[in-house]
Amino acid sequence: MKTDIILSGVGGQGILSIAAVIGEAALKEGLYMKQAEVHGMSQRGGDVQSNLRLSDKPVSSDLIPLGQADLIISLEPMESLRYLPYLKKDGWLVTNSQPFVNIPNYPDMDRINEELEKLAHKVILDVEAIAKELGSPRVANIVMLGAATPFLGIGYDKIADGIRSIFARKSEEIVELNLKALQAGYDVANKL
């Protein structure tokens, strides 16, 4: 088993929390893991990305070569396009449909959607709308994680346990809200 994942988005969207949950779940699954993070200008809404490599055998490098990512999880559609050269031909993209417009010359969403539609394997969903339905826009990243769970190579229960471990120090209410967000994203991915 080997899964190479690129997580991308904009500072403040919760990319590193997704990586932490996946990492915790991978360790509980008994997998080897390497992670490399690029924080960019996260305090100013800049590009944030993380390479996450999971395997049942030791992993030698923490960086994913071009054309080798099995999965891109992106909380921002333009950022998903930035990392498409890393995606395998049969890899999956799981991305948010809603932009985080933080630059004056943000590309036209119709053009971004045209590029995304060319992909054979994709899940595109409005994670903010789903999170708002759950009562908290702050869990949009965990909705995205739920939508990506079918492609991780780690069981749903292990991902849920990862959420419990990572968010336990906050409160049981926060844990339960994040578990609902995980399930909501997972349900959307399975319907698509």
Protein backbone atom coordinates (compact mmCIF):
# COMPACT_ATOMS: atom_id res chain seq x y z
CA MET A 1 0.00 0.00 0.00
CA LYS A 2 1.31 3.44 -0.94
CA THR A 3 -0.61 6.70 -1.15
CA ASP A 4 0.98 10.02 -2.08
CA ILE A 5 -1.19 13.02 -1.20
CA ILE A 6 -0.83 16.72 -1.90
CA LEU A 7 -2.88 18.98 0.35
CA SER A 8 -3.33 22.54 -0.90
CA GLY A 9 -5.18 25.69 -0.02
CA VAL A 10 -4.79 29.13 1.43
CA GLY A 11 -3.49 30.05 4.87
CA GLY A 12 -6.17 29.70 7.52
CA GLN A 13 -8.26 27.08 5.71
CA GLY A 14 -7.11 24.17 7.87
CA ILE A 15 -4.76 22.26 5.56
CA LEU A 16 -2.39 21.42 8.40
CA SER A 17 -5.27 20.10 10.53
CA ILE A 18 -6.22 17.74 7.69
CA ALA A 19 -2.60 16.56 7.51
CA ALA A 20 -2.51 16.03 11.28
CA VAL A 21 -5.68 13.90 11.24
CA ILE A 22 -4.48 11.80 8.29
CA GLY A 23 -1.09 11.39 9.97
CA GLU A 24 -2.65 10.27 13.24
CA ALA A 25 -4.88 7.79 11.37
CA ALA A 26 -1.92 6.45 9.37
CA LEU A 27 0.05 5.80 12.54
CA LYS A 28 -2.94 3.96 14.07
CA GLU A 29 -3.12 1.92 10.86
CA GLY A 30 0.54 0.97 11.35
CA LEU A 31 1.71 2.81 8.23
CA TYR A 32 4.94 4.64 7.61
CA MET A 33 4.57 8.33 6.90
CA LYS A 34 6.62 11.27 5.67
CA GLN A 35 5.34 14.82 5.51
CA ALA A 36 6.70 18.05 4.08
CA GLU A 37 4.90 21.34 4.58
CA VAL A 38 5.21 24.64 2.78
CA HIS A 39 3.46 27.31 4.79
CA GLY A 40 4.03 30.14 2.33
CA MET A 41 2.48 33.35 3.58
CA SER A 42 -0.18 31.59 5.59
CA GLN A 43 -0.81 34.55 7.88
CA ARG A 44 -1.72 36.62 4.83
CA GLY A 45 -3.84 34.12 2.97
CA GLY A 46 -0.94 32.79 0.90
CA ASP A 47 -0.47 29.36 -0.63
CA VAL A 48 -0.19 26.51 1.87
CA GLN A 49 0.62 23.00 0.74
CA SER A 50 1.73 19.77 2.27
CA ASN A 51 3.13 16.56 0.78
CA LEU A 52 1.97 13.50 2.70
CA ARG A 53 3.37 10.09 1.80
CA LEU A 54 1.87 6.96 3.37
CA SER A 55 3.09 3.41 2.86
CA ASP A 56 3.24 -0.02 4.44
CA LYS A 57 7.00 0.09 3.72
CA PRO A 58 9.51 2.74 4.84
CA VAL A 59 9.29 5.99 2.86
CA SER A 60 12.62 7.49 1.80
CA SER A 61 11.63 10.99 0.67
CA ASP A 62 9.00 13.39 1.92
CA LEU A 63 8.53 15.11 -1.45
CA ILE A 64 6.22 13.78 -4.16
CA PRO A 65 7.71 13.85 -7.68
CA LEU A 66 5.82 15.34 -10.64
CA GLY A 67 3.14 12.98 -11.95
CA GLN A 68 3.21 10.72 -8.89
CA ALA A 69 0.47 12.02 -6.54
CA ASP A 70 -2.38 9.58 -6.05
CA LEU A 71 -4.59 12.28 -4.57
CA ILE A 72 -4.81 16.07 -4.39
CA ILE A 73 -7.01 17.47 -1.64
CA SER A 74 -7.57 21.18 -2.18
CA LEU A 75 -9.64 23.65 -0.21
CA GLU A 76 -9.27 26.23 -2.99
CA PRO A 77 -9.97 25.56 -6.71
CA MET A 78 -7.19 27.73 -8.16
CA GLU A 79 -4.70 26.09 -5.79
CA SER A 80 -5.84 22.67 -7.02
CA LEU A 81 -4.85 23.70 -10.56
CA ARG A 82 -1.41 24.74 -9.32
CA TYR A 83 -0.64 21.16 -8.26
CA LEU A 84 -2.26 19.21 -11.13
CA PRO A 85 1.17 18.52 -12.73
CA TYR A 86 1.88 16.33 -9.68
CA LEU A 87 -1.24 14.18 -10.14
CA LYS A 88 -0.96 10.71 -11.68
CA LYS A 89 -3.01 10.11 -14.80
CA ASP A 90 -5.36 7.88 -12.79
CA GLY A 91 -5.12 10.01 -9.62
CA TRP A 92 -8.02 11.76 -7.93
CA LEU A 93 -8.66 15.42 -7.24
CA VAL A 94 -10.96 16.33 -4.36
CA THR A 95 -11.51 20.08 -4.34
CA ASN A 96 -13.70 22.85 -3.07
CA SER A 97 -15.88 24.49 -5.71
CA GLN A 98 -15.79 27.89 -4.02
CA PRO A 99 -12.82 30.23 -4.46
CA PHE A 100 -11.00 32.13 -1.75
CA VAL A 101 -10.46 35.33 -3.72
CA ASN A 102 -7.44 36.89 -2.07
CA ILE A 103 -5.74 38.53 -5.05
CA PRO A 104 -7.02 41.28 -7.38
CA ASN A 105 -6.37 39.27 -10.55
CA TYR A 106 -7.98 36.03 -9.42
CA PRO A 107 -8.71 33.94 -12.55
CA ASP A 108 -12.22 33.66 -13.92
CA MET A 109 -14.02 30.74 -12.24
CA ASP A 110 -15.46 29.59 -15.58
CA ARG A 111 -11.92 29.03 -16.85
CA ILE A 112 -10.92 27.24 -13.65
CA ASN A 113 -14.00 25.01 -13.89
CA GLU A 114 -13.22 24.23 -17.55
CA GLU A 115 -9.82 22.91 -16.49
CA LEU A 116 -11.25 20.94 -13.59
CA GLU A 117 -13.89 19.35 -15.83
CA LYS A 118 -11.14 17.87 -18.03
CA LEU A 119 -10.14 15.54 -15.21
CA ALA A 120 -11.47 11.99 -15.34
CA HIS A 121 -11.34 11.43 -11.56
CA LYS A 122 -12.62 14.29 -9.45
CA VAL A 123 -14.92 15.19 -6.60
CA ILE A 124 -15.89 18.87 -6.53
CA LEU A 125 -18.06 20.09 -3.68
CA ASP A 126 -18.96 23.28 -1.82
CA VAL A 127 -17.46 22.50 1.58
CA GLU A 128 -18.41 25.87 3.06
CA ALA A 129 -22.11 25.35 2.32
CA ILE A 130 -22.02 21.87 3.87
CA ALA A 131 -20.16 23.19 6.93
CA LYS A 132 -22.70 26.00 7.36
CA GLU A 133 -25.52 23.44 7.26
CA LEU A 134 -23.77 21.69 10.14
CA GLY A 135 -23.67 24.97 12.05
CA SER A 136 -20.00 25.91 11.78
CA PRO A 137 -18.06 27.21 8.75
CA ARG A 138 -14.88 26.30 10.67
CA VAL A 139 -15.33 22.58 9.90
CA ALA A 140 -15.16 23.03 6.11
CA ASN A 141 -11.70 21.44 6.09
CA ILE A 142 -13.03 18.30 7.81
CA VAL A 143 -15.91 18.13 5.31
CA MET A 144 -13.18 18.09 2.65
CA LEU A 145 -11.31 15.36 4.53
CA GLY A 146 -14.51 13.29 4.60
CA ALA A 147 -14.90 13.68 0.83
CA ALA A 148 -11.29 12.53 0.35
CA THR A 149 -11.49 9.58 2.76
CA PRO A 150 -12.55 7.00 0.12
CA PHE A 151 -9.25 7.66 -1.71
CA LEU A 152 -6.81 7.64 1.23
CA GLY A 153 -6.25 3.92 1.63
CA ILE A 154 -7.08 4.25 5.33
CA GLY A 155 -10.35 3.09 6.83
CA TYR A 156 -13.03 5.62 7.71
CA ASP A 157 -12.97 4.46 11.34
CA LYS A 158 -9.24 5.22 11.61
CA ILE A 159 -9.82 8.73 10.20
CA ALA A 160 -12.61 9.24 12.76
CA ASP A 161 -10.23 8.04 15.51
CA GLY A 162 -7.67 10.54 14.21
CA ILE A 163 -10.23 13.32 14.63
CA ARG A 164 -10.93 12.17 18.18
CA SER A 165 -7.21 12.22 19.00
CA ILE A 166 -6.42 15.57 17.38
CA PHE A 167 -9.46 17.49 18.69
CA ALA A 168 -9.92 15.78 22.10
CA ARG A 169 -8.06 18.54 23.93
CA LYS A 170 -10.58 21.12 22.69
CA SER A 171 -13.89 19.59 23.86
CA GLU A 172 -16.25 16.70 23.23
CA GLU A 173 -18.58 19.14 21.43
CA ILE A 174 -15.78 20.06 18.97
CA VAL A 175 -14.98 16.38 18.44
CA GLU A 176 -18.62 15.57 17.67
CA LEU A 177 -18.99 18.53 15.29
CA ASN A 178 -15.89 17.43 13.39
CA LEU A 179 -17.13 13.83 13.23
CA LYS A 180 -20.41 15.10 11.73
CA ALA A 181 -18.41 17.14 9.20
CA LEU A 182 -16.34 14.06 8.29
CA GLN A 183 -19.50 12.01 7.72
CA ALA A 184 -21.15 14.77 5.66
CA GLY A 185 -18.17 15.02 3.30
CA TYR A 186 -17.88 11.24 3.08
CA ASP A 187 -21.58 10.96 2.15
CA VAL A 188 -21.21 13.55 -0.63
CA ALA A 189 -18.18 11.76 -2.12
CA ASN A 190 -20.00 8.44 -2.10
CA LYS A 191 -23.02 9.96 -3.87
CA LEU A 192 -20.79 11.45 -6.58
